[in-house]
Amino acid sequence: MIRRDKVCKVCGTRINRHAHHIESASSNKELRFNPKNGICLCKSCHTQYHTNFNRSFRVKTTRYNFMNFMALITYAKNKFKRI
């Protein structure tokens, strides 16, 4: 995912990138190594997703939760870009 995406899909940085499982790898073992189940996030955005949006690294992530996170980020970027 890191080589494929090249940049954080939230903020666009190339620094300190992580691979994020969209569907939780612990509860979806068949998706664990599927590249379509991953996205590249920087450390800051990855932590922001798990601690502020999903509330914990222990909570199983879902595609629905991640898509809501991305929609919120897109809305915020568009809203505050105009100010």
PDB file of N, CA and C in Angstrom:
ATOM      1  N   MET A   1       0.804  -1.189   0.000  1.00  0.00           N
ATOM      2  CA  MET A   1       0.000   0.000   0.000  1.00  0.00           C
ATOM      3  C   MET A   1       0.856   1.265   0.000  1.00  0.00           C
ATOM      4  N   ILE A   2       1.924   1.230   0.756  1.00  0.00           N
ATOM      5  CA  ILE A   2       2.775   2.414   0.845  1.00  0.00           C
ATOM      6  C   ILE A   2       3.426   2.690  -0.512  1.00  0.00           C
ATOM      7  N   ARG A   3       3.915   1.647  -1.164  1.00  0.00           N
ATOM      8  CA  ARG A   3       4.498   1.840  -2.495  1.00  0.00           C
ATOM      9  C   ARG A   3       3.426   2.205  -3.519  1.00  0.00           C
ATOM     10  N   ARG A   4       2.259   1.599  -3.405  1.00  0.00           N
ATOM     11  CA  ARG A   4       1.184   1.850  -4.361  1.00  0.00           C
ATOM     12  C   ARG A   4       0.657   3.281  -4.239  1.00  0.00           C
ATOM     13  N   ASP A   5       0.351   3.715  -3.024  1.00  0.00           N
ATOM     14  CA  ASP A   5      -0.283   5.017  -2.819  1.00  0.00           C
ATOM     15  C   ASP A   5       0.724   6.169  -2.798  1.00  0.00           C
ATOM     16  N   LYS A   6       1.937   5.904  -2.398  1.00  0.00           N
ATOM     17  CA  LYS A   6       3.047   6.872  -2.374  1.00  0.00           C
ATOM     18  C   LYS A   6       2.902   7.996  -1.350  1.00  0.00           C
ATOM     19  N   VAL A   7       1.686   8.469  -1.079  1.00  0.00           N
ATOM     20  CA  VAL A   7       1.468   9.563  -0.117  1.00  0.00           C
ATOM     21  C   VAL A   7       0.302   9.212   0.802  1.00  0.00           C
ATOM     22  N   CYS A   8       0.225   9.897   1.926  1.00  0.00           N
ATOM     23  CA  CYS A   8      -0.918   9.745   2.823  1.00  0.00           C
ATOM     24  C   CYS A   8      -2.170  10.180   2.076  1.00  0.00           C
ATOM     25  N   LYS A   9      -3.188   9.362   2.076  1.00  0.00           N
ATOM     26  CA  LYS A   9      -4.413   9.656   1.340  1.00  0.00           C
ATOM     27  C   LYS A   9      -5.288  10.695   2.029  1.00  0.00           C
ATOM     28  N   VAL A  10      -4.910  11.122   3.213  1.00  0.00           N
ATOM     29  CA  VAL A  10      -5.655  12.173   3.905  1.00  0.00           C
ATOM     30  C   VAL A  10      -4.973  13.518   3.713  1.00  0.00           C
ATOM     31  N   CYS A  11      -3.700  13.614   4.052  1.00  0.00           N
ATOM     32  CA  CYS A  11      -3.026  14.918   4.035  1.00  0.00           C
ATOM     33  C   CYS A  11      -2.002  15.085   2.918  1.00  0.00           C
ATOM     34  N   GLY A  12      -1.613  13.987   2.260  1.00  0.00           N
ATOM     35  CA  GLY A  12      -0.703  14.079   1.126  1.00  0.00           C
ATOM     36  C   GLY A  12       0.780  14.060   1.451  1.00  0.00           C
ATOM     37  N   THR A  13       1.144  13.893   2.713  1.00  0.00           N
ATOM     38  CA  THR A  13       2.572  13.874   3.061  1.00  0.00           C
ATOM     39  C   THR A  13       3.226  12.563   2.628  1.00  0.00           C
ATOM     40  N   ARG A  14       4.525  12.614   2.454  1.00  0.00           N
ATOM     41  CA  ARG A  14       5.314  11.411   2.129  1.00  0.00           C
ATOM     42  C   ARG A  14       6.120  10.960   3.349  1.00  0.00           C
ATOM     43  N   ILE A  15       5.978  11.660   4.463  1.00  0.00           N
ATOM     44  CA  ILE A  15       6.781  11.405   5.656  1.00  0.00           C
ATOM     45  C   ILE A  15       6.050  10.460   6.606  1.00  0.00           C
ATOM     46  N   ASN A  16       6.785   9.483   7.134  1.00  0.00           N
ATOM     47  CA  ASN A  16       6.304   8.594   8.192  1.00  0.00           C
ATOM     48  C   ASN A  16       4.975   7.917   7.838  1.00  0.00           C
ATOM     49  N   ARG A  17       4.954   7.240   6.693  1.00  0.00           N
ATOM     50  CA  ARG A  17       3.724   6.595   6.214  1.00  0.00           C
ATOM     51  C   ARG A  17       3.497   5.228   6.853  1.00  0.00           C
ATOM     52  N   HIS A  18       2.233   4.897   7.058  1.00  0.00           N
ATOM     53  CA  HIS A  18       1.815   3.613   7.625  1.00  0.00           C
ATOM     54  C   HIS A  18       0.811   2.966   6.683  1.00  0.00           C
ATOM     55  N   ALA A  19       0.712   1.648   6.767  1.00  0.00           N
ATOM     56  CA  ALA A  19      -0.351   0.929   6.066  1.00  0.00           C
ATOM     57  C   ALA A  19      -1.507   0.765   7.041  1.00  0.00           C
ATOM     58  N   HIS A  20      -2.704   1.144   6.627  1.00  0.00           N
ATOM     59  CA  HIS A  20      -3.895   1.028   7.469  1.00  0.00           C
ATOM     60  C   HIS A  20      -4.837   0.009   6.855  1.00  0.00           C
ATOM     61  N   HIS A  21      -5.314  -0.945   7.667  1.00  0.00           N
ATOM     62  CA  HIS A  21      -6.330  -1.892   7.211  1.00  0.00           C
ATOM     63  C   HIS A  21      -7.685  -1.199   7.277  1.00  0.00           C
ATOM     64  N   ILE A  22      -8.404  -1.186   6.179  1.00  0.00           N
ATOM     65  CA  ILE A  22      -9.732  -0.568   6.158  1.00  0.00           C
ATOM     66  C   ILE A  22     -10.706  -1.440   6.944  1.00  0.00           C
ATOM     67  N   GLU A  23     -10.746  -2.724   6.641  1.00  0.00           N
ATOM     68  CA  GLU A  23     -11.501  -3.696   7.440  1.00  0.00           C
ATOM     69  C   GLU A  23     -10.505  -4.315   8.407  1.00  0.00           C
ATOM     70  N   SER A  24     -10.855  -4.397   9.644  1.00  0.00           N
ATOM     71  CA  SER A  24      -9.962  -4.882  10.684  1.00  0.00           C
ATOM     72  C   SER A  24      -9.312  -6.218  10.305  1.00  0.00           C
ATOM     73  N   ALA A  25      -8.003  -6.281  10.395  1.00  0.00           N
ATOM     74  CA  ALA A  25      -7.266  -7.494  10.047  1.00  0.00           C
ATOM     75  C   ALA A  25      -7.507  -8.613  11.058  1.00  0.00           C
ATOM     76  N   SER A  26      -7.778  -8.250  12.299  1.00  0.00           N
ATOM     77  CA  SER A  26      -7.984  -9.286  13.311  1.00  0.00           C
ATOM     78  C   SER A  26      -9.330  -9.989  13.155  1.00  0.00           C
ATOM     79  N   SER A  27     -10.337  -9.302  12.653  1.00  0.00           N
ATOM     80  CA  SER A  27     -11.646  -9.936  12.500  1.00  0.00           C
ATOM     81  C   SER A  27     -11.917 -10.376  11.068  1.00  0.00           C
ATOM     82  N   ASN A  28     -11.059 -10.017  10.127  1.00  0.00           N
ATOM     83  CA  ASN A  28     -11.209 -10.399   8.720  1.00  0.00           C
ATOM     84  C   ASN A  28      -9.892 -10.964   8.212  1.00  0.00           C
ATOM     85  N   LYS A  29      -9.548 -12.128   8.709  1.00  0.00           N
ATOM     86  CA  LYS A  29      -8.245 -12.718   8.392  1.00  0.00           C
ATOM     87  C   LYS A  29      -8.042 -12.937   6.893  1.00  0.00           C
ATOM     88  N   GLU A  30      -9.119 -13.194   6.157  1.00  0.00           N
ATOM     89  CA  GLU A  30      -8.990 -13.409   4.716  1.00  0.00           C
ATOM     90  C   GLU A  30      -8.632 -12.117   3.972  1.00  0.00           C
ATOM     91  N   LEU A  31      -8.863 -10.959   4.589  1.00  0.00           N
ATOM     92  CA  LEU A  31      -8.532  -9.671   3.972  1.00  0.00           C
ATOM     93  C   LEU A  31      -7.196  -9.106   4.448  1.00  0.00           C
ATOM     94  N   ARG A  32      -6.554  -9.780   5.384  1.00  0.00           N
ATOM     95  CA  ARG A  32      -5.349  -9.253   6.014  1.00  0.00           C
ATOM     96  C   ARG A  32      -4.274  -8.848   5.006  1.00  0.00           C
ATOM     97  N   PHE A  33      -4.043  -9.653   3.985  1.00  0.00           N
ATOM     98  CA  PHE A  33      -2.982  -9.371   3.021  1.00  0.00           C
ATOM     99  C   PHE A  33      -3.514  -8.908   1.666  1.00  0.00           C
ATOM    100  N   ASN A  34      -4.786  -8.570   1.597  1.00  0.00           N
ATOM    101  CA  ASN A  34      -5.385  -8.089   0.367  1.00  0.00           C
ATOM    102  C   ASN A  34      -5.087  -6.593   0.209  1.00  0.00           C
ATOM    103  N   PRO A  35      -4.379  -6.196  -0.842  1.00  0.00           N
ATOM    104  CA  PRO A  35      -4.034  -4.776  -1.015  1.00  0.00           C
ATOM    105  C   PRO A  35      -5.245  -3.854  -1.125  1.00  0.00           C
ATOM    106  N   LYS A  36      -6.379  -4.384  -1.568  1.00  0.00           N
ATOM    107  CA  LYS A  36      -7.591  -3.554  -1.677  1.00  0.00           C
ATOM    108  C   LYS A  36      -8.163  -3.211  -0.307  1.00  0.00           C
ATOM    109  N   ASN A  37      -7.716  -3.906   0.719  1.00  0.00           N
ATOM    110  CA  ASN A  37      -8.179  -3.649   2.078  1.00  0.00           C
ATOM    111  C   ASN A  37      -7.258  -2.672   2.811  1.00  0.00           C
ATOM    112  N   GLY A  38      -6.359  -2.049   2.095  1.00  0.00           N
ATOM    113  CA  GLY A  38      -5.421  -1.157   2.755  1.00  0.00           C
ATOM    114  C   GLY A  38      -5.354   0.198   2.102  1.00  0.00           C
ATOM    115  N   ILE A  39      -4.872   1.133   2.885  1.00  0.00           N
ATOM    116  CA  ILE A  39      -4.668   2.494   2.401  1.00  0.00           C
ATOM    117  C   ILE A  39      -3.466   3.071   3.138  1.00  0.00           C
ATOM    118  N   CYS A  40      -2.775   3.969   2.490  1.00  0.00           N
ATOM    119  CA  CYS A  40      -1.602   4.587   3.083  1.00  0.00           C
ATOM    120  C   CYS A  40      -2.014   5.834   3.865  1.00  0.00           C
ATOM    121  N   LEU A  41      -1.626   5.871   5.136  1.00  0.00           N
ATOM    122  CA  LEU A  41      -1.849   7.039   5.990  1.00  0.00           C
ATOM    123  C   LEU A  41      -0.525   7.390   6.655  1.00  0.00           C
ATOM    124  N   CYS A  42      -0.303   8.661   6.918  1.00  0.00           N
ATOM    125  CA  CYS A  42       0.880   9.030   7.695  1.00  0.00           C
ATOM    126  C   CYS A  42       0.591   8.704   9.160  1.00  0.00           C
ATOM    127  N   LYS A  43       1.625   8.721   9.968  1.00  0.00           N
ATOM    128  CA  LYS A  43       1.467   8.378  11.381  1.00  0.00           C
ATOM    129  C   LYS A  43       0.436   9.286  12.056  1.00  0.00           C
ATOM    130  N   SER A  44       0.486  10.563  11.751  1.00  0.00           N
ATOM    131  CA  SER A  44      -0.433  11.522  12.373  1.00  0.00           C
ATOM    132  C   SER A  44      -1.894  11.237  12.001  1.00  0.00           C
ATOM    133  N   CYS A  45      -2.175  11.033  10.722  1.00  0.00           N
ATOM    134  CA  CYS A  45      -3.550  10.755  10.284  1.00  0.00           C
ATOM    135  C   CYS A  45      -4.026   9.395  10.778  1.00  0.00           C
ATOM    136  N   HIS A  46      -3.116   8.412  10.818  1.00  0.00           N
ATOM    137  CA  HIS A  46      -3.459   7.080  11.307  1.00  0.00           C
ATOM    138  C   HIS A  46      -3.857   7.157  12.787  1.00  0.00           C
ATOM    139  N   THR A  47      -3.070   7.883  13.563  1.00  0.00           N
ATOM    140  CA  THR A  47      -3.379   8.060  14.984  1.00  0.00           C
ATOM    141  C   THR A  47      -4.672   8.844  15.156  1.00  0.00           C
ATOM    142  N   GLN A  48      -4.854   9.876  14.336  1.00  0.00           N
ATOM    143  CA  GLN A  48      -6.084  10.679  14.416  1.00  0.00           C
ATOM    144  C   GLN A  48      -7.307   9.810  14.154  1.00  0.00           C
ATOM    145  N   TYR A  49      -7.240   8.948  13.158  1.00  0.00           N
ATOM    146  CA  TYR A  49      -8.370   8.064  12.871  1.00  0.00           C
ATOM    147  C   TYR A  49      -8.689   7.178  14.071  1.00  0.00           C
ATOM    148  N   HIS A  50      -7.679   6.515  14.596  1.00  0.00           N
ATOM    149  CA  HIS A  50      -7.933   5.550  15.662  1.00  0.00           C
ATOM    150  C   HIS A  50      -8.261   6.196  17.004  1.00  0.00           C
ATOM    151  N   THR A  51      -7.671   7.305  17.342  1.00  0.00           N
ATOM    152  CA  THR A  51      -7.904   7.888  18.667  1.00  0.00           C
ATOM    153  C   THR A  51      -9.050   8.889  18.698  1.00  0.00           C
ATOM    154  N   ASN A  52      -9.221   9.669  17.642  1.00  0.00           N
ATOM    155  CA  ASN A  52     -10.262  10.688  17.662  1.00  0.00           C
ATOM    156  C   ASN A  52     -11.554  10.248  16.994  1.00  0.00           C
ATOM    157  N   PHE A  53     -11.460   9.494  15.924  1.00  0.00           N
ATOM    158  CA  PHE A  53     -12.665   9.096  15.203  1.00  0.00           C
ATOM    159  C   PHE A  53     -13.156   7.730  15.650  1.00  0.00           C
ATOM    160  N   ASN A  54     -12.248   6.770  15.693  1.00  0.00           N
ATOM    161  CA  ASN A  54     -12.636   5.402  16.034  1.00  0.00           C
ATOM    162  C   ASN A  54     -12.484   5.117  17.522  1.00  0.00           C
ATOM    163  N   ARG A  55     -11.923   6.047  18.259  1.00  0.00           N
ATOM    164  CA  ARG A  55     -11.773   6.025  19.705  1.00  0.00           C
ATOM    165  C   ARG A  55     -10.693   5.094  20.242  1.00  0.00           C
ATOM    166  N   SER A  56     -10.181   4.161  19.449  1.00  0.00           N
ATOM    167  CA  SER A  56      -9.174   3.252  19.980  1.00  0.00           C
ATOM    168  C   SER A  56      -8.526   2.424  18.873  1.00  0.00           C
ATOM    169  N   PHE A  57      -7.290   2.001  19.099  1.00  0.00           N
ATOM    170  CA  PHE A  57      -6.664   1.043  18.193  1.00  0.00           C
ATOM    171  C   PHE A  57      -7.248  -0.348  18.419  1.00  0.00           C
ATOM    172  N   ARG A  58      -7.912  -0.562  19.540  1.00  0.00           N
ATOM    173  CA  ARG A  58      -8.457  -1.886  19.857  1.00  0.00           C
ATOM    174  C   ARG A  58      -9.818  -2.140  19.204  1.00  0.00           C
ATOM    175  N   VAL A  59     -10.531  -1.093  18.847  1.00  0.00           N
ATOM    176  CA  VAL A  59     -11.844  -1.245  18.223  1.00  0.00           C
ATOM    177  C   VAL A  59     -11.648  -1.731  16.790  1.00  0.00           C
ATOM    178  N   LYS A  60     -12.427  -2.724  16.393  1.00  0.00           N
ATOM    179  CA  LYS A  60     -12.314  -3.249  15.044  1.00  0.00           C
ATOM    180  C   LYS A  60     -12.807  -2.207  14.038  1.00  0.00           C
ATOM    181  N   THR A  61     -12.003  -1.941  13.037  1.00  0.00           N
ATOM    182  CA  THR A  61     -12.379  -0.942  12.042  1.00  0.00           C
ATOM    183  C   THR A  61     -13.216  -1.578  10.943  1.00  0.00           C
ATOM    184  N   THR A  62     -14.069  -0.775  10.346  1.00  0.00           N
ATOM    185  CA  THR A  62     -14.895  -1.238   9.232  1.00  0.00           C
ATOM    186  C   THR A  62     -14.749  -0.262   8.079  1.00  0.00           C
ATOM    187  N   ARG A  63     -15.072  -0.718   6.900  1.00  0.00           N
ATOM    188  CA  ARG A  63     -15.038   0.136   5.716  1.00  0.00           C
ATOM    189  C   ARG A  63     -15.993   1.318   5.907  1.00  0.00           C
ATOM    190  N   TYR A  64     -17.162   1.064   6.498  1.00  0.00           N
ATOM    191  CA  TYR A  64     -18.154   2.120   6.748  1.00  0.00           C
ATOM    192  C   TYR A  64     -17.563   3.224   7.640  1.00  0.00           C
ATOM    193  N   ASN A  65     -16.907   2.841   8.732  1.00  0.00           N
ATOM    194  CA  ASN A  65     -16.296   3.834   9.623  1.00  0.00           C
ATOM    195  C   ASN A  65     -15.213   4.628   8.911  1.00  0.00           C
ATOM    196  N   PHE A  66     -14.399   3.933   8.125  1.00  0.00           N
ATOM    197  CA  PHE A  66     -13.316   4.627   7.442  1.00  0.00           C
ATOM    198  C   PHE A  66     -13.857   5.581   6.385  1.00  0.00           C
ATOM    199  N   MET A  67     -14.887   5.178   5.652  1.00  0.00           N
ATOM    200  CA  MET A  67     -15.465   6.054   4.638  1.00  0.00           C
ATOM    201  C   MET A  67     -16.091   7.293   5.295  1.00  0.00           C
ATOM    202  N   ASN A  68     -16.698   7.126   6.462  1.00  0.00           N
ATOM    203  CA  ASN A  68     -17.226   8.282   7.200  1.00  0.00           C
ATOM    204  C   ASN A  68     -16.098   9.219   7.620  1.00  0.00           C
ATOM    205  N   PHE A  69     -14.985   8.661   8.065  1.00  0.00           N
ATOM    206  CA  PHE A  69     -13.817   9.462   8.433  1.00  0.00           C
ATOM    207  C   PHE A  69     -13.326  10.264   7.226  1.00  0.00           C
ATOM    208  N   MET A  70     -13.197   9.611   6.082  1.00  0.00           N
ATOM    209  CA  MET A  70     -12.725  10.292   4.882  1.00  0.00           C
ATOM    210  C   MET A  70     -13.710  11.371   4.432  1.00  0.00           C
ATOM    211  N   ALA A  71     -15.002  11.116   4.554  1.00  0.00           N
ATOM    212  CA  ALA A  71     -16.004  12.118   4.192  1.00  0.00           C
ATOM    213  C   ALA A  71     -15.897  13.338   5.111  1.00  0.00           C
ATOM    214  N   LEU A  72     -15.680  13.100   6.389  1.00  0.00           N
ATOM    215  CA  LEU A  72     -15.523  14.196   7.343  1.00  0.00           C
ATOM    216  C   LEU A  72     -14.275  15.019   7.029  1.00  0.00           C
ATOM    217  N   ILE A  73     -13.176  14.354   6.707  1.00  0.00           N
ATOM    218  CA  ILE A  73     -11.937  15.046   6.358  1.00  0.00           C
ATOM    219  C   ILE A  73     -12.144  15.885   5.091  1.00  0.00           C
ATOM    220  N   THR A  74     -12.782  15.312   4.087  1.00  0.00           N
ATOM    221  CA  THR A  74     -13.039  16.028   2.827  1.00  0.00           C
ATOM    222  C   THR A  74     -13.924  17.241   3.077  1.00  0.00           C
ATOM    223  N   TYR A  75     -14.959  17.072   3.879  1.00  0.00           N
ATOM    224  CA  TYR A  75     -15.841  18.196   4.210  1.00  0.00           C
ATOM    225  C   TYR A  75     -15.059  19.308   4.905  1.00  0.00           C
ATOM    226  N   ALA A  76     -14.253  18.942   5.879  1.00  0.00           N
ATOM    227  CA  ALA A  76     -13.486  19.940   6.634  1.00  0.00           C
ATOM    228  C   ALA A  76     -12.495  20.669   5.727  1.00  0.00           C
ATOM    229  N   LYS A  77     -11.825  19.929   4.847  1.00  0.00           N
ATOM    230  CA  LYS A  77     -10.879  20.565   3.926  1.00  0.00           C
ATOM    231  C   LYS A  77     -11.592  21.577   3.037  1.00  0.00           C
ATOM    232  N   ASN A  78     -12.752  21.203   2.505  1.00  0.00           N
ATOM    233  CA  ASN A  78     -13.497  22.094   1.619  1.00  0.00           C
ATOM    234  C   ASN A  78     -14.075  23.286   2.373  1.00  0.00           C
ATOM    235  N   LYS A  79     -14.561  23.050   3.558  1.00  0.00           N
ATOM    236  CA  LYS A  79     -15.173  24.105   4.363  1.00  0.00           C
ATOM    237  C   LYS A  79     -14.148  25.169   4.768  1.00  0.00           C
ATOM    238  N   PHE A  80     -12.999  24.740   5.229  1.00  0.00           N
ATOM    239  CA  PHE A  80     -12.015  25.690   5.757  1.00  0.00           C
ATOM    240  C   PHE A  80     -11.061  26.215   4.688  1.00  0.00           C
ATOM    241  N   LYS A  81     -11.086  25.645   3.507  1.00  0.00           N
ATOM    242  CA  LYS A  81     -10.275  26.154   2.412  1.00  0.00           C
ATOM    243  C   LYS A  81     -10.806  27.512   1.958  1.00  0.00           C
ATOM    244  N   ARG A  82     -12.114  27.717   2.106  1.00  0.00           N
ATOM    245  CA  ARG A  82     -12.749  28.959   1.643  1.00  0.00           C
ATOM    246  C   ARG A  82     -12.539  30.123   2.574  1.00  0.00           C
ATOM    247  N   ILE A  83     -12.135  29.854   3.814  1.00  0.00           N
ATOM    248  CA  ILE A  83     -12.007  30.928   4.804  1.00  0.00           C
ATOM    249  C   ILE A  83     -10.720  31.685   4.606  1.00  0.00           C
TER     250      ILE A  83
END
